Each structure stands twice: as structure tokens, then as C-alpha cells.
Amino acid sequence: MSTAVTVLIGTLDGAGIDGSVDELVVAAAASRSMLVDAQAPLVARLHDQPADFAATNALQQLYRALARVDRGPPVVPVQSKAKRGRPAHS
């Protein structure tokens, strides 16, 4: 886990639970991938300790932050230059 993700999760623990989602987006530098990377450790904490309410609240904030961060441009499949059914020129 990268240091940036560890710091991001740290902002969610303890006092960070009541912080605004906007501050979380700023802490992640609006990086969707960083927010997604922070998800796995929180889910693991909840799997180990289902009554971990701090992790539950942190995960809720994380999902709200993910909803605010742009997903980026959609991926468009690259089309082949060769047309099907037509012989290639030699």
C-alpha cells in the first residue's frame, strides 16, 4: 500500500470521520485511483472486525468522495483499419 493511500486512510480515522467529503477529495488530490486503493484496507478491517464503526463511517465517506470525483473519459475500443470481408491490398 502506498504512503499516499496510508495517509488518506489516516484522514478517515478518528477525528477525520466527521470531516467533510470535500476535504477527503482534496486529500486524495482528486485522484480516483487513490480513493479506490484506500477502499481495500477498510473493507479488510470490516471483515476482521464487523463492529468497527470508524471503518464503516470511513468507508461511507470514501464512497461519497468517489461519487464526486470524475471518472475520466470513457474507454472507446480501437477499430482495426482493415475492413472485414475485403481482401488486403498487396
N, C-alpha and C. Protein backbone atom coordinates (compact mmCIF):
# COMPACT_ATOMS: atom_id res chain seq x y z
N MET A 1 0.86 -1.17 0.00
CA MET A 1 0.00 0.00 0.00
C MET A 1 0.91 1.23 0.00
N SER A 2 0.60 2.18 -0.86
CA SER A 2 1.43 3.37 -0.98
C SER A 2 1.28 4.27 0.25
N THR A 3 2.27 5.12 0.44
CA THR A 3 2.24 6.05 1.56
C THR A 3 1.06 7.00 1.43
N ALA A 4 0.77 7.44 0.21
CA ALA A 4 -0.34 8.38 0.00
C ALA A 4 -1.67 7.75 0.41
N VAL A 5 -1.85 6.46 0.10
CA VAL A 5 -3.08 5.78 0.48
C VAL A 5 -3.16 5.63 1.99
N THR A 6 -2.04 5.33 2.63
CA THR A 6 -2.00 5.22 4.08
C THR A 6 -2.37 6.54 4.73
N VAL A 7 -1.86 7.64 4.21
CA VAL A 7 -2.18 8.97 4.73
C VAL A 7 -3.66 9.26 4.51
N LEU A 8 -4.17 8.89 3.35
CA LEU A 8 -5.58 9.11 3.05
C LEU A 8 -6.47 8.36 4.03
N ILE A 9 -6.15 7.11 4.31
CA ILE A 9 -6.93 6.34 5.28
C ILE A 9 -6.80 6.97 6.66
N GLY A 10 -5.61 7.50 6.97
CA GLY A 10 -5.41 8.17 8.26
C GLY A 10 -6.31 9.37 8.44
N THR A 11 -6.63 10.05 7.34
CA THR A 11 -7.52 11.21 7.46
C THR A 11 -8.95 10.76 7.75
N LEU A 12 -9.25 9.50 7.47
CA LEU A 12 -10.59 8.99 7.72
C LEU A 12 -10.76 8.47 9.14
N ASP A 13 -9.66 8.10 9.79
CA ASP A 13 -9.72 7.53 11.14
C ASP A 13 -9.88 8.63 12.19
N GLY A 14 -10.48 8.26 13.30
CA GLY A 14 -10.59 9.17 14.43
C GLY A 14 -11.33 10.44 14.10
N ALA A 15 -10.65 11.57 14.29
CA ALA A 15 -11.29 12.87 14.09
C ALA A 15 -11.71 13.09 12.65
N GLY A 16 -11.06 12.41 11.71
CA GLY A 16 -11.38 12.60 10.30
C GLY A 16 -12.74 12.06 9.91
N ILE A 17 -13.35 11.25 10.76
CA ILE A 17 -14.65 10.65 10.43
C ILE A 17 -15.71 11.72 10.23
N ASP A 18 -15.67 12.76 11.04
CA ASP A 18 -16.68 13.82 10.94
C ASP A 18 -16.29 14.90 9.94
N GLY A 19 -15.13 14.76 9.30
CA GLY A 19 -14.69 15.75 8.31
C GLY A 19 -15.55 15.69 7.07
N SER A 20 -15.44 16.74 6.28
CA SER A 20 -16.27 16.79 5.08
C SER A 20 -15.68 15.92 3.98
N VAL A 21 -16.54 15.48 3.11
CA VAL A 21 -16.13 14.66 1.97
C VAL A 21 -15.26 15.49 1.03
N ASP A 22 -15.53 16.79 0.96
CA ASP A 22 -14.70 17.66 0.11
C ASP A 22 -13.25 17.64 0.56
N GLU A 23 -13.02 17.63 1.87
CA GLU A 23 -11.65 17.56 2.38
C GLU A 23 -10.99 16.24 2.01
N LEU A 24 -11.76 15.18 1.97
CA LEU A 24 -11.23 13.89 1.57
C LEU A 24 -10.82 13.91 0.10
N VAL A 25 -11.62 14.53 -0.74
CA VAL A 25 -11.29 14.64 -2.16
C VAL A 25 -10.00 15.45 -2.32
N VAL A 26 -9.86 16.51 -1.54
CA VAL A 26 -8.65 17.32 -1.59
C VAL A 26 -7.45 16.51 -1.10
N ALA A 27 -7.61 15.74 -0.03
CA ALA A 27 -6.52 14.92 0.50
C ALA A 27 -6.07 13.88 -0.53
N ALA A 28 -6.99 13.42 -1.35
CA ALA A 28 -6.65 12.45 -2.39
C ALA A 28 -6.22 13.13 -3.68
N ALA A 29 -6.14 14.46 -3.66
CA ALA A 29 -5.78 15.24 -4.85
C ALA A 29 -6.70 14.91 -6.01
N ALA A 30 -7.97 14.66 -5.71
CA ALA A 30 -9.00 14.32 -6.71
C ALA A 30 -8.60 13.11 -7.54
N SER A 31 -7.82 12.23 -6.95
CA SER A 31 -7.37 11.02 -7.64
C SER A 31 -8.32 9.87 -7.35
N ARG A 32 -9.06 9.48 -8.36
CA ARG A 32 -10.00 8.37 -8.22
C ARG A 32 -9.26 7.08 -7.85
N SER A 33 -8.11 6.85 -8.46
CA SER A 33 -7.38 5.61 -8.19
C SER A 33 -6.91 5.56 -6.74
N MET A 34 -6.53 6.71 -6.17
CA MET A 34 -6.11 6.71 -4.77
C MET A 34 -7.28 6.39 -3.85
N LEU A 35 -8.44 6.93 -4.17
CA LEU A 35 -9.63 6.63 -3.36
C LEU A 35 -10.00 5.16 -3.47
N VAL A 36 -9.90 4.60 -4.67
CA VAL A 36 -10.21 3.18 -4.87
C VAL A 36 -9.21 2.32 -4.10
N ASP A 37 -7.92 2.70 -4.13
CA ASP A 37 -6.90 1.94 -3.40
C ASP A 37 -7.14 1.97 -1.89
N ALA A 38 -7.73 3.04 -1.39
CA ALA A 38 -7.99 3.16 0.04
C ALA A 38 -9.16 2.28 0.48
N GLN A 39 -9.92 1.81 -0.46
CA GLN A 39 -11.11 1.01 -0.15
C GLN A 39 -10.76 -0.36 0.42
N ALA A 40 -9.81 -1.06 -0.16
CA ALA A 40 -9.49 -2.44 0.23
C ALA A 40 -9.09 -2.58 1.71
N PRO A 41 -8.20 -1.72 2.23
CA PRO A 41 -7.85 -1.87 3.65
C PRO A 41 -9.04 -1.65 4.59
N LEU A 42 -9.93 -0.74 4.21
CA LEU A 42 -11.11 -0.51 5.05
C LEU A 42 -12.06 -1.71 5.02
N VAL A 43 -12.22 -2.30 3.85
CA VAL A 43 -13.06 -3.49 3.74
C VAL A 43 -12.43 -4.64 4.54
N ALA A 44 -11.11 -4.76 4.50
CA ALA A 44 -10.43 -5.80 5.27
C ALA A 44 -10.63 -5.59 6.78
N ARG A 45 -10.56 -4.33 7.21
CA ARG A 45 -10.82 -4.04 8.63
C ARG A 45 -12.22 -4.46 9.03
N LEU A 46 -13.19 -4.18 8.18
CA LEU A 46 -14.57 -4.56 8.49
C LEU A 46 -14.76 -6.07 8.46
N HIS A 47 -14.02 -6.74 7.60
CA HIS A 47 -14.12 -8.20 7.56
C HIS A 47 -13.58 -8.81 8.85
N ASP A 48 -12.47 -8.23 9.35
CA ASP A 48 -11.87 -8.73 10.59
C ASP A 48 -12.66 -8.32 11.83
N GLN A 49 -13.22 -7.10 11.81
CA GLN A 49 -13.95 -6.57 12.97
C GLN A 49 -15.25 -5.94 12.50
N PRO A 50 -16.31 -6.72 12.36
CA PRO A 50 -17.57 -6.18 11.84
C PRO A 50 -18.15 -5.02 12.64
N ALA A 51 -17.76 -4.88 13.89
CA ALA A 51 -18.29 -3.80 14.72
C ALA A 51 -17.39 -2.56 14.70
N ASP A 52 -16.49 -2.48 13.73
CA ASP A 52 -15.59 -1.33 13.61
C ASP A 52 -16.36 -0.18 12.96
N PHE A 53 -17.01 0.61 13.80
CA PHE A 53 -17.86 1.69 13.28
C PHE A 53 -17.05 2.81 12.65
N ALA A 54 -15.81 3.00 13.11
CA ALA A 54 -14.95 4.01 12.48
C ALA A 54 -14.66 3.63 11.03
N ALA A 55 -14.39 2.35 10.79
CA ALA A 55 -14.14 1.89 9.42
C ALA A 55 -15.41 1.98 8.58
N THR A 56 -16.55 1.70 9.19
CA THR A 56 -17.82 1.81 8.47
C THR A 56 -18.07 3.25 8.04
N ASN A 57 -17.88 4.19 8.95
CA ASN A 57 -18.07 5.60 8.62
C ASN A 57 -17.05 6.08 7.59
N ALA A 58 -15.81 5.61 7.73
CA ALA A 58 -14.77 5.99 6.78
C ALA A 58 -15.10 5.47 5.38
N LEU A 59 -15.60 4.26 5.30
CA LEU A 59 -15.96 3.69 4.00
C LEU A 59 -17.13 4.46 3.38
N GLN A 60 -18.07 4.88 4.20
CA GLN A 60 -19.18 5.69 3.68
C GLN A 60 -18.68 7.01 3.12
N GLN A 61 -17.76 7.65 3.83
CA GLN A 61 -17.18 8.90 3.32
C GLN A 61 -16.41 8.65 2.04
N LEU A 62 -15.70 7.55 1.99
CA LEU A 62 -14.92 7.22 0.81
C LEU A 62 -15.82 7.05 -0.40
N TYR A 63 -16.94 6.37 -0.24
CA TYR A 63 -17.88 6.19 -1.36
C TYR A 63 -18.48 7.53 -1.79
N ARG A 64 -18.76 8.41 -0.84
CA ARG A 64 -19.28 9.74 -1.20
C ARG A 64 -18.23 10.53 -1.98
N ALA A 65 -16.97 10.41 -1.56
CA ALA A 65 -15.89 11.10 -2.27
C ALA A 65 -15.73 10.54 -3.68
N LEU A 66 -15.83 9.22 -3.82
CA LEU A 66 -15.73 8.61 -5.15
C LEU A 66 -16.84 9.12 -6.07
N ALA A 67 -18.00 9.36 -5.52
CA ALA A 67 -19.11 9.86 -6.33
C ALA A 67 -18.85 11.29 -6.81
N ARG A 68 -17.99 12.03 -6.12
CA ARG A 68 -17.71 13.41 -6.50
C ARG A 68 -16.54 13.56 -7.45
N VAL A 69 -15.71 12.53 -7.55
CA VAL A 69 -14.52 12.61 -8.39
C VAL A 69 -14.88 12.12 -9.79
N ASP A 70 -14.41 12.85 -10.78
CA ASP A 70 -14.67 12.48 -12.17
C ASP A 70 -14.11 11.10 -12.48
N ARG A 71 -14.85 10.37 -13.29
CA ARG A 71 -14.41 9.05 -13.70
C ARG A 71 -13.40 9.10 -14.84
N GLY A 72 -13.32 10.20 -15.52
CA GLY A 72 -12.41 10.31 -16.66
C GLY A 72 -13.13 9.96 -17.93
N PRO A 73 -12.45 10.10 -19.05
CA PRO A 73 -13.11 9.82 -20.32
C PRO A 73 -13.42 8.33 -20.47
N PRO A 74 -14.52 8.01 -21.14
CA PRO A 74 -14.84 6.60 -21.35
C PRO A 74 -13.84 5.95 -22.30
N VAL A 75 -13.62 4.68 -22.11
CA VAL A 75 -12.70 3.93 -22.96
C VAL A 75 -13.46 3.50 -24.22
N VAL A 76 -12.91 3.87 -25.37
CA VAL A 76 -13.52 3.52 -26.65
C VAL A 76 -12.63 2.48 -27.31
N PRO A 77 -13.21 1.34 -27.73
CA PRO A 77 -12.38 0.31 -28.37
C PRO A 77 -11.79 0.82 -29.69
N VAL A 78 -10.56 0.45 -29.93
CA VAL A 78 -9.87 0.84 -31.16
C VAL A 78 -10.34 -0.08 -32.27
N GLN A 79 -10.72 0.53 -33.40
CA GLN A 79 -11.16 -0.26 -34.53
C GLN A 79 -9.98 -0.52 -35.45
N SER A 80 -9.98 -1.71 -35.99
CA SER A 80 -8.93 -2.10 -36.92
C SER A 80 -9.09 -1.30 -38.22
N LYS A 81 -7.96 -0.98 -38.85
CA LYS A 81 -8.00 -0.25 -40.12
C LYS A 81 -8.47 -1.15 -41.27
N ALA A 82 -8.23 -2.43 -41.15
CA ALA A 82 -8.65 -3.37 -42.19
C ALA A 82 -10.14 -3.63 -42.07
N LYS A 83 -10.82 -3.64 -43.20
CA LYS A 83 -12.25 -3.92 -43.22
C LYS A 83 -12.46 -5.43 -43.35
N ARG A 84 -13.40 -5.93 -42.60
CA ARG A 84 -13.71 -7.36 -42.69
C ARG A 84 -14.34 -7.68 -44.03
N GLY A 85 -14.00 -8.82 -44.56
CA GLY A 85 -14.63 -9.30 -45.78
C GLY A 85 -13.96 -8.78 -47.05
N ARG A 86 -13.06 -7.84 -46.93
CA ARG A 86 -12.37 -7.33 -48.10
C ARG A 86 -10.92 -7.79 -48.06
N PRO A 87 -10.41 -8.24 -49.19
CA PRO A 87 -9.00 -8.69 -49.21
C PRO A 87 -8.06 -7.50 -49.04
N ALA A 88 -6.97 -7.75 -48.36
CA ALA A 88 -5.96 -6.70 -48.16
C ALA A 88 -5.23 -6.48 -49.46
N HIS A 89 -4.84 -5.25 -49.74
CA HIS A 89 -4.07 -4.93 -50.95
C HIS A 89 -2.63 -5.30 -50.75
N SER A 90 -2.04 -5.88 -51.83
CA SER A 90 -0.63 -6.25 -51.69
C SER A 90 0.25 -5.51 -52.63
